[in-house]
C-alpha atoms as a PDB file:
ATOM      1  CA  UNK A   1     167.860  60.363 176.022  1.00  0.00           C
ATOM      2  CA  UNK A   2     167.347  63.678 174.232  1.00  0.00           C
ATOM      3  CA  UNK A   3     170.743  63.392 172.532  1.00  0.00           C
ATOM      4  CA  UNK A   4     170.086  59.743 171.606  1.00  0.00           C
ATOM      5  CA  UNK A   5     166.732  60.742 170.095  1.00  0.00           C
ATOM      6  CA  UNK A   6     168.360  63.505 168.048  1.00  0.00           C
ATOM      7  CA  UNK A   7     171.036  61.090 166.832  1.00  0.00           C
ATOM      8  CA  UNK A   8     168.399  58.541 165.771  1.00  0.00           C
ATOM      9  CA  UNK A   9     166.552  61.221 163.786  1.00  0.00           C
ATOM     10  CA  UNK A  10     169.820  62.323 162.147  1.00  0.00           C
ATOM     11  CA  UNK A  11     170.734  58.760 161.186  1.00  0.00           C
ATOM     12  CA  UNK A  12     167.350  58.089 159.597  1.00  0.00           C
ATOM     13  CA  UNK A  13     167.323  61.413 157.730  1.00  0.00           C
ATOM     14  CA  UNK A  14     169.790  60.000 155.253  1.00  0.00           C
ATOM     15  CA  UNK A  15     168.090  56.647 154.793  1.00  0.00           C
ATOM     16  CA  UNK A  16     166.565  57.828 151.538  1.00  0.00           C
ATOM     17  CA  UNK A  17     164.547  56.028 148.944  1.00  0.00           C
ATOM     18  CA  UNK A  18     164.705  57.422 145.438  1.00  0.00           C
ATOM     19  CA  UNK A  19     161.317  56.605 143.958  1.00  0.00           C
ATOM     20  CA  UNK A  20     160.212  59.912 142.441  1.00  0.00           C
ATOM     21  CA  UNK A  21     159.077  59.508 138.856  1.00  0.00           C
ATOM     22  CA  UNK A  22     159.038  55.720 139.105  1.00  0.00           C
ATOM     23  CA  UNK A  23     156.111  53.338 138.816  1.00  0.00           C
ATOM     24  CA  UNK A  24     155.465  50.859 141.600  1.00  0.00           C
ATOM     25  CA  UNK A  25     153.391  47.757 140.882  1.00  0.00           C
ATOM     26  CA  UNK A  26     151.237  46.721 143.838  1.00  0.00           C
ATOM     27  CA  UNK A  27     149.300  43.465 144.295  1.00  0.00           C
ATOM     28  CA  UNK A  28     146.460  43.086 141.823  1.00  0.00           C
ATOM     29  CA  UNK A  29     148.605  44.764 139.149  1.00  0.00           C
ATOM     30  CA  UNK A  30     147.755  48.204 140.556  1.00  0.00           C
ATOM     31  CA  UNK A  31     150.304  50.683 139.213  1.00  0.00           C
ATOM     32  CA  UNK A  32     151.213  53.817 141.127  1.00  0.00           C
ATOM     33  CA  UNK A  33     153.467  56.390 139.507  1.00  0.00           C
ATOM     34  CA  UNK A  34     155.119  58.643 142.030  1.00  0.00           C
ATOM     35  CA  UNK A  35     155.451  62.269 140.949  1.00  0.00           C
ATOM     36  CA  UNK A  36     158.702  64.110 141.289  1.00  0.00           C
ATOM     37  CA  UNK A  37     158.910  66.091 144.485  1.00  0.00           C
ATOM     38  CA  UNK A  38     161.261  68.617 146.054  1.00  0.00           C
ATOM     39  CA  UNK A  39     160.791  66.684 149.315  1.00  0.00           C
ATOM     40  CA  UNK A  40     162.919  63.532 149.753  1.00  0.00           C
ATOM     41  CA  UNK A  41     161.525  60.188 150.887  1.00  0.00           C
ATOM     42  CA  UNK A  42     163.372  59.247 154.103  1.00  0.00           C
ATOM     43  CA  UNK A  43     162.944  57.158 157.255  1.00  0.00           C
ATOM     44  CA  UNK A  44     163.072  60.385 159.255  1.00  0.00           C
ATOM     45  CA  UNK A  45     159.376  60.583 160.132  1.00  0.00           C
ATOM     46  CA  UNK A  46     159.617  57.067 161.580  1.00  0.00           C
ATOM     47  CA  UNK A  47     162.302  58.270 163.977  1.00  0.00           C
ATOM     48  CA  UNK A  48     160.541  61.540 164.864  1.00  0.00           C
ATOM     49  CA  UNK A  49     157.315  59.732 165.756  1.00  0.00           C
ATOM     50  CA  UNK A  50     159.096  56.951 167.623  1.00  0.00           C
ATOM     51  CA  UNK A  51     161.278  59.390 169.579  1.00  0.00           C
ATOM     52  CA  UNK A  52     158.296  61.563 170.463  1.00  0.00           C
ATOM     53  CA  UNK A  53     156.306  58.579 171.685  1.00  0.00           C
ATOM     54  CA  UNK A  54     159.159  57.043 173.615  1.00  0.00           C
ATOM     55  CA  UNK A  55     160.409  60.222 175.261  1.00  0.00           C
ATOM     56  CA  UNK A  56     157.150  62.038 175.909  1.00  0.00           C
ATOM     57  CA  UNK A  57     156.138  65.629 175.276  1.00  0.00           C
ATOM     58  CA  UNK A  58     159.101  67.551 176.686  1.00  0.00           C
ATOM     59  CA  UNK A  59     161.988  65.252 175.873  1.00  0.00           C
ATOM     60  CA  UNK A  60     160.527  64.369 172.463  1.00  0.00           C
ATOM     61  CA  UNK A  61     160.237  68.059 171.619  1.00  0.00           C
ATOM     62  CA  UNK A  62     163.765  68.700 172.890  1.00  0.00           C
ATOM     63  CA  UNK A  63     165.198  65.793 170.870  1.00  0.00           C
ATOM     64  CA  UNK A  64     163.679  67.157 167.653  1.00  0.00           C
ATOM     65  CA  UNK A  65     164.771  70.703 168.557  1.00  0.00           C
ATOM     66  CA  UNK A  66     168.319  69.476 169.193  1.00  0.00           C
ATOM     67  CA  UNK A  67     168.332  67.696 165.833  1.00  0.00           C
ATOM     68  CA  UNK A  68     167.145  70.866 164.082  1.00  0.00           C
ATOM     69  CA  UNK A  69     169.737  73.000 165.907  1.00  0.00           C
ATOM     70  CA  UNK A  70     172.579  70.613 165.047  1.00  0.00           C
ATOM     71  CA  UNK A  71     171.395  70.659 161.428  1.00  0.00           C
ATOM     72  CA  UNK A  72     172.042  74.371 161.263  1.00  0.00           C
ATOM     73  CA  UNK A  73     175.763  73.571 161.616  1.00  0.00           C
ATOM     74  CA  UNK A  74     176.268  69.954 160.526  1.00  0.00           C
ATOM     75  CA  UNK A  75     174.949  68.038 157.483  1.00  0.00           C
ATOM     76  CA  UNK A  76     172.339  65.935 159.288  1.00  0.00           C
ATOM     77  CA  UNK A  77     169.224  66.876 157.323  1.00  0.00           C
ATOM     78  CA  UNK A  78     168.031  64.673 154.442  1.00  0.00           C
ATOM     79  CA  UNK A  79     170.508  64.528 151.600  1.00  0.00           C
ATOM     80  CA  UNK A  80     173.221  65.601 154.054  1.00  0.00           C
ATOM     81  CA  UNK A  81     171.895  69.150 153.884  1.00  0.00           C
ATOM     82  CA  UNK A  82     172.491  71.676 156.626  1.00  0.00           C
ATOM     83  CA  UNK A  83     172.243  75.335 157.390  1.00  0.00           C
ATOM     84  CA  UNK A  84     169.699  78.053 157.799  1.00  0.00           C
ATOM     85  CA  UNK A  85     169.039  78.117 154.037  1.00  0.00           C
ATOM     86  CA  UNK A  86     167.103  74.868 154.481  1.00  0.00           C
ATOM     87  CA  UNK A  87     164.476  77.102 156.069  1.00  0.00           C
ATOM     88  CA  UNK A  88     165.206  80.588 154.751  1.00  0.00           C
ATOM     89  CA  UNK A  89     167.760  81.932 152.296  1.00  0.00           C
ATOM     90  CA  UNK A  90     168.572  84.805 149.962  1.00  0.00           C
ATOM     91  CA  UNK A  91     168.238  84.500 146.221  1.00  0.00           C
ATOM     92  CA  UNK A  92     168.645  87.414 143.815  1.00  0.00           C
ATOM     93  CA  UNK A  93     168.312  89.848 146.724  1.00  0.00           C
ATOM     94  CA  UNK A  94     165.023  88.323 147.933  1.00  0.00           C
ATOM     95  CA  UNK A  95     164.271  86.117 150.909  1.00  0.00           C
ATOM     96  CA  UNK A  96     163.080  82.640 149.897  1.00  0.00           C
ATOM     97  CA  UNK A  97     161.813  79.708 151.904  1.00  0.00           C
ATOM     98  CA  UNK A  98     163.450  76.296 151.589  1.00  0.00           C
ATOM     99  CA  UNK A  99     160.949  73.727 150.288  1.00  0.00           C
ATOM    100  CA  UNK A 100     161.562  71.239 153.123  1.00  0.00           C
ATOM    101  CA  UNK A 101     161.760  73.687 156.027  1.00  0.00           C
ATOM    102  CA  UNK A 102     158.095  73.328 156.909  1.00  0.00           C
ATOM    103  CA  UNK A 103     158.375  69.562 157.209  1.00  0.00           C
ATOM    104  CA  UNK A 104     161.345  69.966 159.539  1.00  0.00           C
ATOM    105  CA  UNK A 105     159.418  72.438 161.705  1.00  0.00           C
ATOM    106  CA  UNK A 106     156.432  70.081 161.568  1.00  0.00           C
ATOM    107  CA  UNK A 107     158.666  67.486 163.230  1.00  0.00           C
ATOM    108  CA  UNK A 108     158.680  69.682 166.362  1.00  0.00           C
ATOM    109  CA  UNK A 109     154.893  69.634 166.513  1.00  0.00           C
ATOM    110  CA  UNK A 110     154.689  65.926 165.705  1.00  0.00           C
ATOM    111  CA  UNK A 111     157.305  64.899 168.279  1.00  0.00           C
ATOM    112  CA  UNK A 112     155.576  66.898 171.005  1.00  0.00           C
ATOM    113  CA  UNK A 113     152.076  65.766 170.014  1.00  0.00           C
ATOM    114  CA  UNK A 114     152.906  62.071 169.823  1.00  0.00           C
ATOM    115  CA  UNK A 115     154.849  62.426 173.069  1.00  0.00           C
ATOM    116  CA  UNK A 116     151.828  63.917 174.829  1.00  0.00           C
ATOM    117  CA  UNK A 117     149.500  61.250 173.461  1.00  0.00           C
ATOM    118  CA  UNK A 118     151.953  58.602 174.698  1.00  0.00           C
ATOM    119  CA  UNK A 119     151.945  60.214 178.138  1.00  0.00           C
ATOM    120  CA  UNK A 120     148.156  59.932 178.094  1.00  0.00           C
ATOM    121  CA  UNK A 121     148.499  56.181 177.482  1.00  0.00           C
ATOM    122  CA  UNK A 122     147.818  55.958 173.755  1.00  0.00           C
ATOM    123  CA  UNK A 123     150.998  53.949 173.250  1.00  0.00           C
ATOM    124  CA  UNK A 124     150.024  51.109 175.597  1.00  0.00           C
ATOM    125  CA  UNK A 125     148.498  49.180 172.699  1.00  0.00           C
ATOM    126  CA  UNK A 126     149.715  48.899 169.125  1.00  0.00           C
ATOM    127  CA  UNK A 127     146.427  50.312 167.779  1.00  0.00           C
ATOM    128  CA  UNK A 128     146.584  53.389 169.992  1.00  0.00           C
ATOM    129  CA  UNK A 129     150.247  53.891 169.179  1.00  0.00           C
ATOM    130  CA  UNK A 130     149.558  53.773 165.452  1.00  0.00           C
ATOM    131  CA  UNK A 131     146.675  56.265 165.763  1.00  0.00           C
ATOM    132  CA  UNK A 132     148.880  58.603 167.841  1.00  0.00           C
ATOM    133  CA  UNK A 133     151.555  58.412 165.175  1.00  0.00           C
ATOM    134  CA  UNK A 134     149.023  58.964 162.413  1.00  0.00           C
ATOM    135  CA  UNK A 135     147.958  62.160 164.175  1.00  0.00           C
ATOM    136  CA  UNK A 136     151.624  63.158 164.497  1.00  0.00           C
ATOM    137  CA  UNK A 137     152.215  62.420 160.833  1.00  0.00           C
ATOM    138  CA  UNK A 138     149.253  64.598 159.869  1.00  0.00           C
ATOM    139  CA  UNK A 139     150.726  67.385 162.009  1.00  0.00           C
ATOM    140  CA  UNK A 140     153.891  67.256 159.898  1.00  0.00           C
ATOM    141  CA  UNK A 141     151.834  67.773 156.746  1.00  0.00           C
ATOM    142  CA  UNK A 142     149.759  70.555 158.340  1.00  0.00           C
ATOM    143  CA  UNK A 143     152.970  72.562 158.652  1.00  0.00           C
ATOM    144  CA  UNK A 144     154.853  71.175 155.641  1.00  0.00           C
ATOM    145  CA  UNK A 145     152.241  71.578 152.895  1.00  0.00           C
ATOM    146  CA  UNK A 146     151.502  75.303 153.441  1.00  0.00           C
ATOM    147  CA  UNK A 147     155.250  75.964 153.756  1.00  0.00           C
ATOM    148  CA  UNK A 148     155.874  74.077 150.501  1.00  0.00           C
ATOM    149  CA  UNK A 149     153.177  76.177 148.821  1.00  0.00           C
ATOM    150  CA  UNK A 150     154.799  79.388 150.054  1.00  0.00           C
ATOM    151  CA  UNK A 151     158.293  78.229 149.079  1.00  0.00           C
ATOM    152  CA  UNK A 152     157.459  77.016 145.579  1.00  0.00           C
ATOM    153  CA  UNK A 153     154.354  78.934 144.548  1.00  0.00           C
ATOM    154  CA  UNK A 154     152.442  75.651 144.145  1.00  0.00           C
ATOM    155  CA  UNK A 155     148.681  75.749 144.508  1.00  0.00           C
ATOM    156  CA  UNK A 156     147.138  73.406 147.095  1.00  0.00           C
ATOM    157  CA  UNK A 157     146.472  70.579 144.621  1.00  0.00           C
ATOM    158  CA  UNK A 158     150.039  70.653 143.282  1.00  0.00           C
ATOM    159  CA  UNK A 159     151.509  70.858 146.792  1.00  0.00           C
ATOM    160  CA  UNK A 160     149.490  67.810 147.835  1.00  0.00           C
ATOM    161  CA  UNK A 161     150.485  66.003 144.626  1.00  0.00           C
ATOM    162  CA  UNK A 162     154.186  66.673 145.184  1.00  0.00           C
ATOM    163  CA  UNK A 163     154.431  67.061 148.961  1.00  0.00           C
ATOM    164  CA  UNK A 164     152.024  64.439 150.300  1.00  0.00           C
ATOM    165  CA  UNK A 165     150.905  61.906 147.676  1.00  0.00           C
ATOM    166  CA  UNK A 166     154.362  60.382 147.069  1.00  0.00           C
ATOM    167  CA  UNK A 167     154.700  59.673 150.778  1.00  0.00           C
ATOM    168  CA  UNK A 168     151.394  58.050 151.731  1.00  0.00           C
ATOM    169  CA  UNK A 169     152.388  54.431 151.111  1.00  0.00           C
ATOM    170  CA  UNK A 170     155.743  54.847 152.848  1.00  0.00           C
ATOM    171  CA  UNK A 171     154.139  56.723 155.735  1.00  0.00           C
ATOM    172  CA  UNK A 172     151.692  53.886 156.310  1.00  0.00           C
ATOM    173  CA  UNK A 173     154.571  51.418 156.359  1.00  0.00           C
ATOM    174  CA  UNK A 174     156.570  53.644 158.753  1.00  0.00           C
ATOM    175  CA  UNK A 175     153.538  54.049 161.015  1.00  0.00           C
ATOM    176  CA  UNK A 176     153.078  50.292 161.236  1.00  0.00           C
ATOM    177  CA  UNK A 177     156.762  49.733 161.986  1.00  0.00           C
ATOM    178  CA  UNK A 178     156.852  52.518 164.576  1.00  0.00           C
ATOM    179  CA  UNK A 179     153.708  51.177 166.253  1.00  0.00           C
ATOM    180  CA  UNK A 180     155.341  47.782 166.536  1.00  0.00           C
ATOM    181  CA  UNK A 181     158.589  49.346 167.775  1.00  0.00           C
ATOM    182  CA  UNK A 182     156.845  51.427 170.455  1.00  0.00           C
ATOM    183  CA  UNK A 183     156.920  48.766 173.201  1.00  0.00           C
ATOM    184  CA  UNK A 184     160.620  48.174 172.527  1.00  0.00           C
ATOM    185  CA  UNK A 185     161.294  51.912 172.640  1.00  0.00           C
ATOM    186  CA  UNK A 186     159.526  52.215 175.999  1.00  0.00           C
ATOM    187  CA  UNK A 187     161.557  49.287 177.317  1.00  0.00           C
ATOM    188  CA  UNK A 188     164.824  50.930 176.181  1.00  0.00           C
ATOM    189  CA  UNK A 189     163.838  54.281 177.705  1.00  0.00           C
ATOM    190  CA  UNK A 190     162.749  52.583 180.920  1.00  0.00           C
END
């Protein structure tokens, strides 16, 4: 189950949507222009939250940890990236943080947190499952945004503009889909 969870996360990491810099027209002729961001838009958070909820605290954490460990050697991160330099690298003789490393580490917290909430019964109803996943999604940003600030030198407003704002609509869609998929995931795990 841990290996299957890690594989699911790896597969969704490269389901990318290239929307940065584009304008999306929503109902009511509401136009949203997505800023460019060093963070890709993927289906990865969907898988992390679903795996955490389906496998529980320990196995959800281990599935994300296995995915991160495999990514150090194989190109399974978003954009088929891999290696330690996703988190930390050397540039001009200085250590630098990779812009997306914090989001990847946030997956560990999110997978474990959603897994624990599922163990407490939050996933027994679609509403509870969605709230658990919303909390998990926020956990990703609580790690990812400060890391992005440290990696890029962005101030908080710029980091939110580039590292959170472009993802809100997609995150809401992924949360709804994951909440609906939760009962199926529990059935598969069972």
